[in-house]
Amino acid sequence: MIDSGSTEAEMVTPVVHSRPRVVLVGPPGAGKTTIGRRLASALNLPLVDSDELIEQGEGMPCGDVYVQNGEKKFREIEADYVARALATGGVVSLGGGAVLNDATRTLLKPHTVVWIDVSAEEGIRRTANETSRPVLSAADPEQHYRDLVAAREHLYREVAVHRVRTDERPPQRVVAEVLGIIDSQ
């Protein structure tokens, strides 16, 4: 029953999310952070980026944590920060290799996970001049990127409920597509 003395603003209960509205996964250079920021803004929710959590928690750039600890230990550290990110509301963007960890993939099961994907050619172009991603360091960076994507593709497919390509698409169109996915859940 509505109290006739209440104003409309007093009757509206804000929606509080105890888990993310959407989780973004995908390869390096796909646009997860860009799309995540725009989605968070459109939904008026915070963006929680697991790479940023790692940097804040470890006190150094994510790439340095990777180099200092090696990939195996880094993935364990990352899994802890992913679990923290998934315990928040809002939009969550995960590092490209987060899906390599079995525990992380298990944690993703109850969530709306969208695979932000990009062709190998475009991903290579977008990451070609980045030195902050040691996981992409190799004698043949283009082949290494292709191999990395090929090794992870089945994992992205496993955890995601939808796949959205970013090639030759402006971010606002990608965001609109992801918003449609969220609305249909």
C-alpha atoms as a PDB file:
ATOM      1  CA  MET A   1       0.000   0.000   0.000  1.00  0.00           C
ATOM      2  CA  ILE A   2       1.332   3.420  -0.952  1.00  0.00           C
ATOM      3  CA  ASP A   3       1.262   6.076   1.726  1.00  0.00           C
ATOM      4  CA  SER A   4      -0.383   9.083   0.114  1.00  0.00           C
ATOM      5  CA  GLY A   5       1.897  11.345   2.136  1.00  0.00           C
ATOM      6  CA  SER A   6       5.058   9.942   0.520  1.00  0.00           C
ATOM      7  CA  THR A   7       6.695  11.632  -2.391  1.00  0.00           C
ATOM      8  CA  GLU A   8       7.529   9.677  -5.517  1.00  0.00           C
ATOM      9  CA  ALA A   9      11.245   9.978  -4.777  1.00  0.00           C
ATOM     10  CA  GLU A  10      10.757   8.394  -1.363  1.00  0.00           C
ATOM     11  CA  MET A  11       8.923   5.424  -2.881  1.00  0.00           C
ATOM     12  CA  VAL A  12      11.602   4.532  -5.423  1.00  0.00           C
ATOM     13  CA  THR A  13      13.965   1.924  -4.074  1.00  0.00           C
ATOM     14  CA  PRO A  14      17.337   1.976  -5.807  1.00  0.00           C
ATOM     15  CA  VAL A  15      18.439  -1.271  -7.395  1.00  0.00           C
ATOM     16  CA  VAL A  16      21.516  -2.582  -5.647  1.00  0.00           C
ATOM     17  CA  HIS A  17      23.521  -5.273  -7.380  1.00  0.00           C
ATOM     18  CA  SER A  18      25.511  -7.625  -5.182  1.00  0.00           C
ATOM     19  CA  ARG A  19      27.197  -9.041  -8.251  1.00  0.00           C
ATOM     20  CA  PRO A  20      28.287  -7.549 -11.564  1.00  0.00           C
ATOM     21  CA  ARG A  21      25.696  -6.703 -14.185  1.00  0.00           C
ATOM     22  CA  VAL A  22      28.158  -7.933 -16.794  1.00  0.00           C
ATOM     23  CA  VAL A  23      31.672  -9.354 -16.917  1.00  0.00           C
ATOM     24  CA  LEU A  24      33.846  -8.678 -19.962  1.00  0.00           C
ATOM     25  CA  VAL A  25      36.478 -11.163 -21.123  1.00  0.00           C
ATOM     26  CA  GLY A  26      38.578 -11.314 -24.266  1.00  0.00           C
ATOM     27  CA  PRO A  27      42.051 -11.096 -25.720  1.00  0.00           C
ATOM     28  CA  PRO A  28      44.447  -8.194 -25.277  1.00  0.00           C
ATOM     29  CA  GLY A  29      43.506  -5.249 -27.457  1.00  0.00           C
ATOM     30  CA  ALA A  30      39.865  -6.292 -27.902  1.00  0.00           C
ATOM     31  CA  GLY A  31      38.627  -3.158 -26.140  1.00  0.00           C
ATOM     32  CA  LYS A  32      37.420  -4.557 -22.803  1.00  0.00           C
ATOM     33  CA  THR A  33      38.498  -1.515 -20.804  1.00  0.00           C
ATOM     34  CA  THR A  34      37.121   0.994 -23.324  1.00  0.00           C
ATOM     35  CA  ILE A  35      33.812  -0.848 -23.622  1.00  0.00           C
ATOM     36  CA  GLY A  36      33.720  -1.408 -19.858  1.00  0.00           C
ATOM     37  CA  ARG A  37      34.119   2.306 -19.119  1.00  0.00           C
ATOM     38  CA  ARG A  38      31.364   3.231 -21.545  1.00  0.00           C
ATOM     39  CA  LEU A  39      29.044   0.506 -20.267  1.00  0.00           C
ATOM     40  CA  ALA A  40      29.603   1.563 -16.678  1.00  0.00           C
ATOM     41  CA  SER A  41      28.800   5.142 -17.616  1.00  0.00           C
ATOM     42  CA  ALA A  42      25.658   4.145 -19.541  1.00  0.00           C
ATOM     43  CA  LEU A  43      24.448   2.011 -16.628  1.00  0.00           C
ATOM     44  CA  ASN A  44      25.550   4.546 -13.986  1.00  0.00           C
ATOM     45  CA  LEU A  45      27.569   1.806 -12.306  1.00  0.00           C
ATOM     46  CA  PRO A  46      31.222   1.515 -11.325  1.00  0.00           C
ATOM     47  CA  LEU A  47      33.776  -0.213 -13.531  1.00  0.00           C
ATOM     48  CA  VAL A  48      35.960  -2.740 -11.755  1.00  0.00           C
ATOM     49  CA  ASP A  49      38.984  -3.682 -13.863  1.00  0.00           C
ATOM     50  CA  SER A  50      40.904  -6.686 -12.507  1.00  0.00           C
ATOM     51  CA  ASP A  51      44.193  -5.372 -13.925  1.00  0.00           C
ATOM     52  CA  GLU A  52      43.686  -2.088 -12.056  1.00  0.00           C
ATOM     53  CA  LEU A  53      42.891  -4.005  -8.850  1.00  0.00           C
ATOM     54  CA  ILE A  54      46.152  -5.919  -9.241  1.00  0.00           C
ATOM     55  CA  GLU A  55      48.101  -2.687  -9.758  1.00  0.00           C
ATOM     56  CA  GLN A  56      46.511  -1.065  -6.702  1.00  0.00           C
ATOM     57  CA  GLY A  57      46.905  -4.134  -4.502  1.00  0.00           C
ATOM     58  CA  GLU A  58      50.431  -5.055  -5.555  1.00  0.00           C
ATOM     59  CA  GLY A  59      51.701  -1.474  -5.782  1.00  0.00           C
ATOM     60  CA  MET A  60      53.147  -1.811  -9.278  1.00  0.00           C
ATOM     61  CA  PRO A  61      52.005  -2.041 -12.891  1.00  0.00           C
ATOM     62  CA  CYS A  62      50.331  -5.307 -13.836  1.00  0.00           C
ATOM     63  CA  GLY A  63      53.079  -6.108 -16.340  1.00  0.00           C
ATOM     64  CA  ASP A  64      55.699  -5.774 -13.619  1.00  0.00           C
ATOM     65  CA  VAL A  65      53.752  -8.158 -11.364  1.00  0.00           C
ATOM     66  CA  TYR A  66      53.724 -10.627 -14.273  1.00  0.00           C
ATOM     67  CA  VAL A  67      57.467 -10.282 -14.955  1.00  0.00           C
ATOM     68  CA  GLN A  68      58.431 -10.405 -11.272  1.00  0.00           C
ATOM     69  CA  ASN A  69      56.343 -13.505 -10.477  1.00  0.00           C
ATOM     70  CA  GLY A  70      56.210 -15.438 -13.736  1.00  0.00           C
ATOM     71  CA  GLU A  71      53.015 -16.457 -15.444  1.00  0.00           C
ATOM     72  CA  LYS A  72      51.976 -19.295 -13.111  1.00  0.00           C
ATOM     73  CA  LYS A  73      52.217 -17.222  -9.912  1.00  0.00           C
ATOM     74  CA  PHE A  74      50.747 -14.189 -11.673  1.00  0.00           C
ATOM     75  CA  ARG A  75      47.649 -16.220 -12.647  1.00  0.00           C
ATOM     76  CA  GLU A  76      47.208 -17.232  -8.991  1.00  0.00           C
ATOM     77  CA  ILE A  77      47.485 -13.603  -7.882  1.00  0.00           C
ATOM     78  CA  GLU A  78      45.126 -12.571 -10.658  1.00  0.00           C
ATOM     79  CA  ALA A  79      42.539 -15.194  -9.633  1.00  0.00           C
ATOM     80  CA  ASP A  80      42.358 -13.651  -6.153  1.00  0.00           C
ATOM     81  CA  TYR A  81      41.729 -10.191  -7.587  1.00  0.00           C
ATOM     82  CA  VAL A  82      39.170 -11.566 -10.052  1.00  0.00           C
ATOM     83  CA  ALA A  83      37.277 -13.132  -7.128  1.00  0.00           C
ATOM     84  CA  ARG A  84      37.266  -9.737  -5.408  1.00  0.00           C
ATOM     85  CA  ALA A  85      36.051  -8.030  -8.579  1.00  0.00           C
ATOM     86  CA  LEU A  86      33.235 -10.548  -8.998  1.00  0.00           C
ATOM     87  CA  ALA A  87      32.051  -9.802  -5.457  1.00  0.00           C
ATOM     88  CA  THR A  88      31.267  -6.210  -6.465  1.00  0.00           C
ATOM     89  CA  GLY A  89      28.404  -4.681  -8.347  1.00  0.00           C
ATOM     90  CA  GLY A  90      28.801  -2.850 -11.592  1.00  0.00           C
ATOM     91  CA  VAL A  91      30.694  -3.739 -14.730  1.00  0.00           C
ATOM     92  CA  VAL A  92      33.750  -5.994 -14.431  1.00  0.00           C
ATOM     93  CA  SER A  93      36.541  -6.156 -17.002  1.00  0.00           C
ATOM     94  CA  LEU A  94      39.027  -9.021 -16.698  1.00  0.00           C
ATOM     95  CA  GLY A  95      42.569  -9.272 -17.971  1.00  0.00           C
ATOM     96  CA  GLY A  96      42.918 -11.228 -21.205  1.00  0.00           C
ATOM     97  CA  GLY A  97      44.452 -14.289 -19.560  1.00  0.00           C
ATOM     98  CA  ALA A  98      42.169 -14.496 -16.521  1.00  0.00           C
ATOM     99  CA  VAL A  99      40.244 -17.358 -18.163  1.00  0.00           C
ATOM    100  CA  LEU A 100      43.373 -19.541 -18.035  1.00  0.00           C
ATOM    101  CA  ASN A 101      42.742 -20.219 -14.341  1.00  0.00           C
ATOM    102  CA  ASP A 102      40.297 -23.074 -13.587  1.00  0.00           C
ATOM    103  CA  ALA A 103      39.054 -21.392 -10.397  1.00  0.00           C
ATOM    104  CA  THR A 104      38.322 -18.182 -12.277  1.00  0.00           C
ATOM    105  CA  ARG A 105      36.320 -20.027 -14.926  1.00  0.00           C
ATOM    106  CA  THR A 106      34.297 -21.692 -12.173  1.00  0.00           C
ATOM    107  CA  LEU A 107      33.649 -18.309 -10.526  1.00  0.00           C
ATOM    108  CA  LEU A 108      32.367 -16.929 -13.846  1.00  0.00           C
ATOM    109  CA  LYS A 109      29.618 -19.557 -14.291  1.00  0.00           C
ATOM    110  CA  PRO A 110      26.760 -17.698 -12.553  1.00  0.00           C
ATOM    111  CA  HIS A 111      27.565 -14.375 -14.237  1.00  0.00           C
ATOM    112  CA  THR A 112      26.553 -12.705 -17.477  1.00  0.00           C
ATOM    113  CA  VAL A 113      29.883 -12.946 -19.281  1.00  0.00           C
ATOM    114  CA  VAL A 114      30.387 -11.246 -22.630  1.00  0.00           C
ATOM    115  CA  TRP A 115      33.361 -12.133 -24.796  1.00  0.00           C
ATOM    116  CA  ILE A 116      34.673  -8.911 -26.320  1.00  0.00           C
ATOM    117  CA  ASP A 117      36.450 -10.266 -29.368  1.00  0.00           C
ATOM    118  CA  VAL A 118      38.654  -8.899 -32.090  1.00  0.00           C
ATOM    119  CA  SER A 119      40.316 -10.438 -35.119  1.00  0.00           C
ATOM    120  CA  ALA A 120      43.959 -11.385 -34.717  1.00  0.00           C
ATOM    121  CA  GLU A 121      44.927  -8.768 -37.301  1.00  0.00           C
ATOM    122  CA  GLU A 122      43.141  -5.961 -35.460  1.00  0.00           C
ATOM    123  CA  GLY A 123      44.346  -7.141 -32.044  1.00  0.00           C
ATOM    124  CA  ILE A 124      47.914  -7.159 -33.346  1.00  0.00           C
ATOM    125  CA  ARG A 125      47.472  -3.654 -34.761  1.00  0.00           C
ATOM    126  CA  ARG A 126      46.015  -2.356 -31.481  1.00  0.00           C
ATOM    127  CA  THR A 127      48.760  -3.849 -29.284  1.00  0.00           C
ATOM    128  CA  ALA A 128      51.750  -3.480 -31.632  1.00  0.00           C
ATOM    129  CA  ASN A 129      53.369  -0.561 -29.821  1.00  0.00           C
ATOM    130  CA  GLU A 130      52.511  -1.523 -26.251  1.00  0.00           C
ATOM    131  CA  THR A 131      55.355  -2.330 -23.924  1.00  0.00           C
ATOM    132  CA  SER A 132      53.161  -2.709 -20.822  1.00  0.00           C
ATOM    133  CA  ARG A 133      51.990  -6.219 -21.793  1.00  0.00           C
ATOM    134  CA  PRO A 134      54.897  -8.615 -21.287  1.00  0.00           C
ATOM    135  CA  VAL A 135      52.623 -11.551 -22.099  1.00  0.00           C
ATOM    136  CA  LEU A 136      52.784 -10.329 -25.704  1.00  0.00           C
ATOM    137  CA  SER A 137      56.593 -10.106 -25.808  1.00  0.00           C
ATOM    138  CA  ALA A 138      58.086 -12.471 -28.372  1.00  0.00           C
ATOM    139  CA  ALA A 139      60.549 -12.612 -31.248  1.00  0.00           C
ATOM    140  CA  ASP A 140      57.562 -12.779 -33.624  1.00  0.00           C
ATOM    141  CA  PRO A 141      54.846 -10.726 -31.880  1.00  0.00           C
ATOM    142  CA  GLU A 142      52.246 -11.304 -34.601  1.00  0.00           C
ATOM    143  CA  GLN A 143      52.554 -15.086 -34.496  1.00  0.00           C
ATOM    144  CA  HIS A 144      52.702 -15.009 -30.712  1.00  0.00           C
ATOM    145  CA  TYR A 145      49.429 -13.023 -30.601  1.00  0.00           C
ATOM    146  CA  ARG A 146      47.758 -15.493 -32.985  1.00  0.00           C
ATOM    147  CA  ASP A 147      48.963 -18.428 -30.867  1.00  0.00           C
ATOM    148  CA  LEU A 148      47.796 -16.746 -27.669  1.00  0.00           C
ATOM    149  CA  VAL A 149      44.303 -16.136 -29.076  1.00  0.00           C
ATOM    150  CA  ALA A 150      44.097 -19.674 -30.496  1.00  0.00           C
ATOM    151  CA  ALA A 151      45.053 -21.167 -27.105  1.00  0.00           C
ATOM    152  CA  ARG A 152      42.434 -19.103 -25.238  1.00  0.00           C
ATOM    153  CA  GLU A 153      39.538 -19.065 -27.698  1.00  0.00           C
ATOM    154  CA  HIS A 154      37.904 -22.225 -26.362  1.00  0.00           C
ATOM    155  CA  LEU A 155      38.126 -20.799 -22.823  1.00  0.00           C
ATOM    156  CA  TYR A 156      36.421 -17.544 -23.823  1.00  0.00           C
ATOM    157  CA  ARG A 157      33.755 -19.629 -25.542  1.00  0.00           C
ATOM    158  CA  GLU A 158      33.363 -21.773 -22.393  1.00  0.00           C
ATOM    159  CA  VAL A 159      32.711 -18.876 -20.015  1.00  0.00           C
ATOM    160  CA  ALA A 160      30.818 -16.438 -22.237  1.00  0.00           C
ATOM    161  CA  VAL A 161      27.098 -16.326 -22.863  1.00  0.00           C
ATOM    162  CA  HIS A 162      27.595 -13.936 -25.781  1.00  0.00           C
ATOM    163  CA  ARG A 163      30.374 -12.900 -28.149  1.00  0.00           C
ATOM    164  CA  VAL A 164      30.648  -9.354 -29.481  1.00  0.00           C
ATOM    165  CA  ARG A 165      33.166  -8.402 -32.170  1.00  0.00           C
ATOM    166  CA  THR A 166      34.812  -4.986 -32.045  1.00  0.00           C
ATOM    167  CA  ASP A 167      36.490  -4.949 -35.468  1.00  0.00           C
ATOM    168  CA  GLU A 168      35.572  -1.878 -37.493  1.00  0.00           C
ATOM    169  CA  ARG A 169      32.828  -0.951 -35.037  1.00  0.00           C
ATOM    170  CA  PRO A 170      32.728   2.235 -32.996  1.00  0.00           C
ATOM    171  CA  PRO A 171      32.590   1.675 -29.238  1.00  0.00           C
ATOM    172  CA  GLN A 172      29.065   3.101 -28.965  1.00  0.00           C
ATOM    173  CA  ARG A 173      27.712   0.344 -31.253  1.00  0.00           C
ATOM    174  CA  VAL A 174      29.479  -2.335 -29.228  1.00  0.00           C
ATOM    175  CA  VAL A 175      28.111  -0.822 -26.006  1.00  0.00           C
ATOM    176  CA  ALA A 176      24.594  -0.770 -27.464  1.00  0.00           C
ATOM    177  CA  GLU A 177      24.901  -4.453 -28.347  1.00  0.00           C
ATOM    178  CA  VAL A 178      26.118  -5.371 -24.850  1.00  0.00           C
ATOM    179  CA  LEU A 179      23.309  -3.311 -23.284  1.00  0.00           C
ATOM    180  CA  GLY A 180      20.867  -5.344 -25.384  1.00  0.00           C
ATOM    181  CA  ILE A 181      22.423  -8.545 -24.046  1.00  0.00           C
ATOM    182  CA  ILE A 182      22.139  -7.322 -20.462  1.00  0.00           C
ATOM    183  CA  ASP A 183      18.509  -6.298 -20.976  1.00  0.00           C
ATOM    184  CA  SER A 184      17.658  -9.749 -22.326  1.00  0.00           C
ATOM    185  CA  GLN A 185      19.047 -11.533 -19.243  1.00  0.00           C
END
